[in-house]
C-alpha atoms as a PDB file:
ATOM      1  CA  MET A   1       5.931   8.487   3.395  1.00  0.00           C
ATOM      2  CA  GLU A   2       8.478   7.035   5.810  1.00  0.00           C
ATOM      3  CA  LYS A   3       5.760   6.295   8.364  1.00  0.00           C
ATOM      4  CA  LEU A   4       3.805   4.351   5.757  1.00  0.00           C
ATOM      5  CA  ILE A   5       6.873   2.344   4.810  1.00  0.00           C
ATOM      6  CA  GLU A   6       7.570   1.565   8.462  1.00  0.00           C
ATOM      7  CA  LEU A   7       3.968   0.504   8.962  1.00  0.00           C
ATOM      8  CA  PHE A   8       4.177  -1.827   5.946  1.00  0.00           C
ATOM      9  CA  HIS A   9       7.325  -3.475   7.291  1.00  0.00           C
ATOM     10  CA  GLN A  10       5.694  -3.882  10.701  1.00  0.00           C
ATOM     11  CA  ILE A  11       2.589  -5.507   9.186  1.00  0.00           C
ATOM     12  CA  VAL A  12       4.736  -7.983   7.241  1.00  0.00           C
ATOM     13  CA  LYS A  13       6.965  -8.672  10.250  1.00  0.00           C
ATOM     14  CA  ASP A  14       3.960  -9.348  12.495  1.00  0.00           C
ATOM     15  CA  PHE A  15       2.514 -11.779   9.959  1.00  0.00           C
ATOM     16  CA  ARG A  16       5.805 -13.629   9.518  1.00  0.00           C
ATOM     17  CA  LEU A  17       6.331 -13.964  13.261  1.00  0.00           C
ATOM     18  CA  LYS A  18       3.168 -16.055  13.565  1.00  0.00           C
ATOM     19  CA  ARG A  19       5.000 -19.057  12.049  1.00  0.00           C
ATOM     20  CA  HIS A  20       2.074 -20.886  10.527  1.00  0.00           C
ATOM     21  CA  ASP A  21       2.191 -24.586   9.856  1.00  0.00           C
ATOM     22  CA  LEU A  22       0.772 -24.613   6.341  1.00  0.00           C
ATOM     23  CA  LEU A  23       0.493 -28.387   6.352  1.00  0.00           C
ATOM     24  CA  ALA A  24      -1.927 -28.306   9.296  1.00  0.00           C
ATOM     25  CA  TYR A  25      -4.910 -27.822   7.012  1.00  0.00           C
ATOM     26  CA  HIS A  26      -7.424 -28.586   9.762  1.00  0.00           C
ATOM     27  CA  LYS A  27      -6.420 -25.431  11.657  1.00  0.00           C
ATOM     28  CA  ASN A  28      -7.743 -22.147  10.398  1.00  0.00           C
ATOM     29  CA  ASN A  29      -5.205 -19.903  12.144  1.00  0.00           C
ATOM     30  CA  PHE A  30      -3.476 -19.084   8.880  1.00  0.00           C
ATOM     31  CA  ASP A  31      -6.760 -18.230   7.177  1.00  0.00           C
ATOM     32  CA  ARG A  32      -7.769 -15.821   9.930  1.00  0.00           C
ATOM     33  CA  ASP A  33      -4.329 -14.238  10.094  1.00  0.00           C
ATOM     34  CA  TYR A  34      -4.179 -13.883   6.312  1.00  0.00           C
ATOM     35  CA  VAL A  35      -7.550 -12.121   6.244  1.00  0.00           C
ATOM     36  CA  GLU A  36      -6.329  -9.800   9.012  1.00  0.00           C
ATOM     37  CA  PHE A  37      -3.113  -9.169   7.049  1.00  0.00           C
ATOM     38  CA  ASN A  38      -5.121  -8.261   3.925  1.00  0.00           C
ATOM     39  CA  VAL A  39      -7.348  -5.898   5.907  1.00  0.00           C
ATOM     40  CA  LYS A  40      -4.284  -4.114   7.278  1.00  0.00           C
ATOM     41  CA  ILE A  41      -2.740  -3.874   3.805  1.00  0.00           C
ATOM     42  CA  THR A  42      -5.990  -2.478   2.398  1.00  0.00           C
ATOM     43  CA  GLU A  43      -6.054   0.137   5.156  1.00  0.00           C
ATOM     44  CA  LEU A  44      -2.427   0.973   4.387  1.00  0.00           C
ATOM     45  CA  GLU A  45      -3.288   1.361   0.689  1.00  0.00           C
ATOM     46  CA  ALA A  46      -6.039   3.810   1.615  1.00  0.00           C
ATOM     47  CA  ARG A  47      -3.579   5.825   3.692  1.00  0.00           C
ATOM     48  CA  LEU A  48      -1.082   5.787   0.833  1.00  0.00           C
ATOM     49  CA  GLN A  49      -3.782   6.953  -1.567  1.00  0.00           C
ATOM     50  CA  GLN A  50      -4.637   9.775   0.818  1.00  0.00           C
ATOM     51  CA  PHE A  51      -0.940  10.721   1.034  1.00  0.00           C
ATOM     52  CA  ILE A  52      -0.656  10.821  -2.762  1.00  0.00           C
ATOM     53  CA  ASN A  53      -3.810  12.900  -3.132  1.00  0.00           C
ATOM     54  CA  GLN A  54      -2.623  15.366  -0.488  1.00  0.00           C
ATOM     55  CA  ASN A  55       0.636  15.793  -2.393  1.00  0.00           C
ATOM     56  CA  PHE A  56      -1.248  16.579  -5.588  1.00  0.00           C
ATOM     57  CA  GLU A  57      -3.379  19.197  -3.826  1.00  0.00           C
ATOM     58  CA  HIS A  58      -0.304  21.387  -3.333  1.00  0.00           C
ATOM     59  CA  ILE A  59       1.037  21.293  -6.894  1.00  0.00           C
ATOM     60  CA  THR A  60       2.375  24.618  -8.124  1.00  0.00           C
ATOM     61  CA  SER A  61       3.216  23.752 -11.727  1.00  0.00           C
ATOM     62  CA  ILE A  62       2.700  21.183 -14.451  1.00  0.00           C
ATOM     63  CA  GLU A  63       6.373  20.265 -14.298  1.00  0.00           C
ATOM     64  CA  HIS A  64       6.087  19.587 -10.577  1.00  0.00           C
ATOM     65  CA  SER A  65       3.003  17.419 -11.091  1.00  0.00           C
ATOM     66  CA  LEU A  66       4.719  15.385 -13.819  1.00  0.00           C
ATOM     67  CA  ARG A  67       7.765  14.786 -11.599  1.00  0.00           C
ATOM     68  CA  LEU A  68       5.476  13.692  -8.791  1.00  0.00           C
ATOM     69  CA  LEU A  69       3.534  11.366 -11.091  1.00  0.00           C
ATOM     70  CA  LYS A  70       6.731   9.802 -12.366  1.00  0.00           C
ATOM     71  CA  LYS A  71       8.019   9.337  -8.818  1.00  0.00           C
ATOM     72  CA  PHE A  72       4.858   7.600  -7.625  1.00  0.00           C
ATOM     73  CA  GLN A  73       4.471   5.485 -10.766  1.00  0.00           C
ATOM     74  CA  THR A  74       7.919   3.971 -10.299  1.00  0.00           C
ATOM     75  CA  ILE A  75       7.217   2.836  -6.742  1.00  0.00           C
ATOM     76  CA  LEU A  76       3.584   1.753  -7.001  1.00  0.00           C
ATOM     77  CA  GLN A  77       2.765  -1.736  -8.187  1.00  0.00           C
ATOM     78  CA  ARG A  78      -0.780  -2.174  -6.908  1.00  0.00           C
ATOM     79  CA  GLU A  79      -3.387  -1.926  -9.667  1.00  0.00           C
ATOM     80  CA  SER A  80      -5.829   0.135  -7.602  1.00  0.00           C
ATOM     81  CA  LEU A  81      -3.194   2.775  -6.914  1.00  0.00           C
ATOM     82  CA  LYS A  82      -1.880   2.760 -10.486  1.00  0.00           C
ATOM     83  CA  SER A  83      -5.327   3.386 -11.925  1.00  0.00           C
ATOM     84  CA  ASP A  84      -5.814   6.389  -9.673  1.00  0.00           C
ATOM     85  CA  LEU A  85      -2.477   7.823 -10.772  1.00  0.00           C
ATOM     86  CA  ASP A  86      -3.363   7.205 -14.398  1.00  0.00           C
ATOM     87  CA  SER A  87      -6.583   9.139 -13.898  1.00  0.00           C
ATOM     88  CA  LYS A  88      -4.528  12.143 -12.801  1.00  0.00           C
ATOM     89  CA  LEU A  89      -2.853  12.181 -16.214  1.00  0.00           C
ATOM     90  CA  ASN A  90      -6.188  12.621 -17.985  1.00  0.00           C
END
């Protein structure tokens, strides 16, 4: 999980370092960089989803699975990831 967190911070840092002039509407640098940022975040979400699913593959008890669900539900805010966790409850 730490690697994913580090990758997220690096993606955000790289985007912020580009220092876009948002008032220069005739330039499309921000648009291109924002699309690239979203692609990287989507890829990161997929890796996070894979990490979560791998953790659930090695569950040994119902109590362990409920603790894991609670842990992930408190840190996840993205709707796509929340819905997948909710499906694990059913």
